[in-house]
């Protein structure tokens, strides 16, 4: 299938470029959003007190803005195939430009927010208060669009905490699972022999 092949090449190019860049310039590893899960696990904090100073090691660190830049680029790169899947699986008349723009930009915004509040309980509560003060009126035309929103948030959070590898896996799992379901037309009707056997319904049986 051509779309799956192109998307696979896209992932291979990005992952290969990152591996090659880190192999050639090991010093850049400090600025790349990788190893975040391991860093969080190694902290082994037993109380909330040290968490307040965690922000000094992220956005307030000398390399903070540069790491945020790389994380934002990674988030943007991993959300692009998700938007392609939206175009592939959606009928032309159902494509919503504003929604596409939202899911493309959202991971970048979430990446910045996640890096700001990372390990800072005070900033997390402050952000919650600000969000609570804003009234959002955003409705999804298609319930399936919620999956794209969650995928965008997951990719942004992964990049924001320095776990670009996890963000990549989230992106790939979402993209390929949607392509498979779309290609198989899973759940479209009950005419398939497997679904007929599974549901114990005759292929000509009417649904009420």
Protein backbone atom coordinates (compact mmCIF):
# COMPACT_ATOMS: atom_id res chain seq x y z
CA UNK A 1 0.00 0.00 0.00
CA UNK A 2 1.55 3.28 -1.15
CA UNK A 3 0.48 5.49 1.81
CA UNK A 4 1.94 3.02 4.34
CA UNK A 5 5.18 2.81 2.35
CA UNK A 6 5.61 6.58 2.19
CA UNK A 7 4.85 6.96 5.88
CA UNK A 8 7.34 4.20 6.74
CA UNK A 9 10.03 5.94 4.69
CA UNK A 10 9.21 9.19 6.50
CA UNK A 11 9.71 7.57 9.92
CA UNK A 12 12.91 5.84 8.83
CA UNK A 13 14.37 9.09 7.51
CA UNK A 14 13.67 10.99 10.75
CA UNK A 15 14.80 8.21 13.08
CA UNK A 16 17.88 7.53 10.97
CA UNK A 17 18.78 11.23 10.85
CA UNK A 18 18.51 11.53 14.63
CA UNK A 19 20.61 8.41 15.27
CA UNK A 20 23.24 9.56 12.78
CA UNK A 21 23.36 13.06 14.25
CA UNK A 22 23.72 11.80 17.82
CA UNK A 23 26.37 9.30 16.74
CA UNK A 24 28.40 11.97 14.95
CA UNK A 25 27.92 14.67 17.59
CA UNK A 26 27.50 12.94 21.01
CA UNK A 27 27.55 16.32 22.78
CA UNK A 28 24.14 17.09 21.29
CA UNK A 29 22.57 14.34 23.39
CA UNK A 30 22.33 16.80 26.27
CA UNK A 31 20.03 19.00 24.20
CA UNK A 32 17.94 16.28 22.56
CA UNK A 33 14.63 15.23 24.13
CA UNK A 34 15.77 11.67 24.78
CA UNK A 35 16.15 9.73 28.01
CA UNK A 36 13.48 11.69 29.85
CA UNK A 37 11.78 8.65 31.39
CA UNK A 38 15.09 7.39 32.75
CA UNK A 39 15.90 10.77 34.28
CA UNK A 40 12.53 10.89 36.04
CA UNK A 41 12.98 7.36 37.40
CA UNK A 42 16.51 8.09 38.65
CA UNK A 43 15.32 10.99 40.79
CA UNK A 44 13.71 8.60 43.31
CA UNK A 45 12.11 11.45 45.24
CA UNK A 46 10.41 10.52 48.51
CA UNK A 47 8.65 13.83 49.13
CA UNK A 48 7.19 16.78 47.29
CA UNK A 49 9.72 19.29 48.58
CA UNK A 50 12.50 18.84 45.97
CA UNK A 51 10.00 19.01 43.12
CA UNK A 52 9.72 22.76 43.32
CA UNK A 53 13.32 23.21 42.19
CA UNK A 54 12.97 20.85 39.23
CA UNK A 55 12.18 23.73 36.88
CA UNK A 56 15.73 24.99 37.35
CA UNK A 57 16.93 21.91 35.49
CA UNK A 58 14.60 22.38 32.52
CA UNK A 59 13.48 25.72 31.11
CA UNK A 60 15.68 27.80 33.45
CA UNK A 61 18.81 25.81 32.61
CA UNK A 62 21.23 27.39 30.10
CA UNK A 63 20.34 24.75 27.52
CA UNK A 64 16.59 24.87 28.30
CA UNK A 65 15.47 26.90 25.26
CA UNK A 66 17.62 24.80 22.92
CA UNK A 67 16.21 21.56 24.31
CA UNK A 68 12.70 22.98 23.96
CA UNK A 69 13.49 23.84 20.32
CA UNK A 70 14.59 20.27 19.54
CA UNK A 71 11.60 18.86 21.43
CA UNK A 72 9.22 21.08 19.45
CA UNK A 73 10.80 19.99 16.17
CA UNK A 74 10.42 16.36 17.23
CA UNK A 75 6.76 16.89 18.15
CA UNK A 76 6.07 18.57 14.81
CA UNK A 77 7.81 15.76 12.93
CA UNK A 78 5.87 13.03 14.72
CA UNK A 79 2.45 14.65 14.29
CA UNK A 80 2.78 15.10 10.52
CA UNK A 81 2.06 11.41 9.71
CA UNK A 82 -0.97 11.60 12.00
CA UNK A 83 -2.36 14.42 9.88
CA UNK A 84 -1.66 12.37 6.75
CA UNK A 85 -3.72 9.51 8.15
CA UNK A 86 -6.56 11.95 8.73
CA UNK A 87 -6.45 12.94 5.05
CA UNK A 88 -6.20 9.32 3.89
CA UNK A 89 -9.03 7.92 5.98
CA UNK A 90 -11.46 10.85 5.79
CA UNK A 91 -13.77 11.51 2.85
CA UNK A 92 -12.90 14.74 1.05
CA UNK A 93 -16.14 16.43 2.10
CA UNK A 94 -15.44 15.69 5.78
CA UNK A 95 -11.94 17.22 5.93
CA UNK A 96 -11.87 20.12 8.39
CA UNK A 97 -8.94 22.49 7.84
CA UNK A 98 -9.20 24.10 11.27
CA UNK A 99 -9.15 20.67 12.92
CA UNK A 100 -6.08 19.62 10.94
CA UNK A 101 -4.29 22.80 11.94
CA UNK A 102 -5.26 22.18 15.56
CA UNK A 103 -3.83 18.67 15.74
CA UNK A 104 -0.62 19.81 14.00
CA UNK A 105 0.02 22.75 16.34
CA UNK A 106 -1.25 21.14 19.56
CA UNK A 107 1.77 18.84 20.19
CA UNK A 108 4.12 21.81 19.92
CA UNK A 109 2.11 23.77 22.49
CA UNK A 110 1.79 20.76 24.79
CA UNK A 111 5.54 20.17 24.52
CA UNK A 112 6.25 23.67 25.81
CA UNK A 113 3.69 23.38 28.60
CA UNK A 114 4.97 19.96 29.68
CA UNK A 115 8.55 21.21 29.83
CA UNK A 116 7.52 24.26 31.87
CA UNK A 117 5.57 22.32 34.50
CA UNK A 118 7.92 19.30 34.53
CA UNK A 119 8.78 18.43 38.17
CA UNK A 120 7.24 21.69 39.39
CA UNK A 121 4.14 21.11 41.50
CA UNK A 122 3.60 24.84 41.99
CA UNK A 123 3.64 25.56 38.26
CA UNK A 124 1.31 22.63 37.60
CA UNK A 125 -1.29 24.02 40.02
CA UNK A 126 -0.85 27.50 38.56
CA UNK A 127 -1.47 26.19 35.07
CA UNK A 128 -4.55 24.32 36.25
CA UNK A 129 -5.91 27.55 37.73
CA UNK A 130 -5.29 29.48 34.52
CA UNK A 131 -6.95 26.81 32.38
CA UNK A 132 -9.92 26.68 34.75
CA UNK A 133 -10.38 30.42 34.34
CA UNK A 134 -10.69 30.09 30.57
CA UNK A 135 -13.91 28.74 29.11
CA UNK A 136 -13.31 26.50 26.13
CA UNK A 137 -16.10 26.00 23.64
CA UNK A 138 -14.72 23.43 21.25
CA UNK A 139 -16.95 20.68 19.90
CA UNK A 140 -15.90 17.84 17.64
CA UNK A 141 -18.05 17.16 14.58
CA UNK A 142 -16.93 13.54 14.46
CA UNK A 143 -16.38 11.49 17.65
CA UNK A 144 -13.43 9.80 15.93
CA UNK A 145 -11.63 13.15 15.94
CA UNK A 146 -11.11 12.76 19.69
CA UNK A 147 -8.56 10.05 18.93
CA UNK A 148 -6.44 12.55 17.01
CA UNK A 149 -6.62 15.02 19.88
CA UNK A 150 -5.44 12.39 22.36
CA UNK A 151 -2.66 11.31 20.00
CA UNK A 152 -1.52 14.92 19.63
CA UNK A 153 -1.50 15.40 23.40
CA UNK A 154 0.39 12.13 23.93
CA UNK A 155 3.06 13.09 21.39
CA UNK A 156 3.42 16.54 22.94
CA UNK A 157 3.74 15.16 26.48
CA UNK A 158 6.30 12.60 25.34
CA UNK A 159 8.48 15.24 23.71
CA UNK A 160 7.96 17.65 26.62
CA UNK A 161 9.34 15.26 29.22
CA UNK A 162 12.28 14.35 27.00
CA UNK A 163 10.94 11.01 25.80
CA UNK A 164 11.01 11.46 22.03
CA UNK A 165 11.27 7.70 21.58
CA UNK A 166 7.95 7.17 23.34
CA UNK A 167 6.37 9.96 21.31
CA UNK A 168 7.59 8.23 18.15
CA UNK A 169 6.07 4.92 19.22
CA UNK A 170 2.75 6.64 20.01
CA UNK A 171 2.75 8.26 16.58
CA UNK A 172 3.64 5.04 14.74
CA UNK A 173 1.15 2.90 16.66
CA UNK A 174 -1.65 5.39 16.01
CA UNK A 175 -0.82 5.78 12.33
CA UNK A 176 -0.44 2.10 11.44
CA UNK A 177 -3.42 0.92 13.49
CA UNK A 178 -5.65 3.47 11.77
CA UNK A 179 -4.35 2.52 8.34
CA UNK A 180 -5.02 -1.17 8.99
CA UNK A 181 -8.54 -0.53 10.30
CA UNK A 182 -9.28 1.76 7.36
CA UNK A 183 -7.91 -0.68 4.79
CA UNK A 184 -9.86 -3.61 6.22
CA UNK A 185 -13.00 -1.47 6.57
CA UNK A 186 -13.32 -2.98 10.01
CA UNK A 187 -16.83 -2.58 11.46
CA UNK A 188 -18.35 -1.20 8.28
CA UNK A 189 -20.93 -3.99 7.96
CA UNK A 190 -21.66 -7.52 9.11
CA UNK A 191 -21.26 -9.19 5.74
CA UNK A 192 -17.86 -10.71 6.40
CA UNK A 193 -17.74 -14.45 7.22
CA UNK A 194 -15.68 -13.88 10.37
CA UNK A 195 -18.04 -11.25 11.82
CA UNK A 196 -21.05 -13.39 10.89
CA UNK A 197 -19.53 -16.31 12.77
CA UNK A 198 -18.48 -14.12 15.69
CA UNK A 199 -21.88 -12.46 16.17
CA UNK A 200 -23.92 -15.57 15.28
CA UNK A 201 -25.89 -13.59 12.70
CA UNK A 202 -26.79 -14.61 9.19
CA UNK A 203 -25.39 -12.40 6.47
CA UNK A 204 -28.91 -11.59 5.29
CA UNK A 205 -30.29 -10.92 8.76
CA UNK A 206 -31.68 -7.43 9.25
CA UNK A 207 -30.66 -5.33 12.22
CA UNK A 208 -33.33 -3.76 14.35
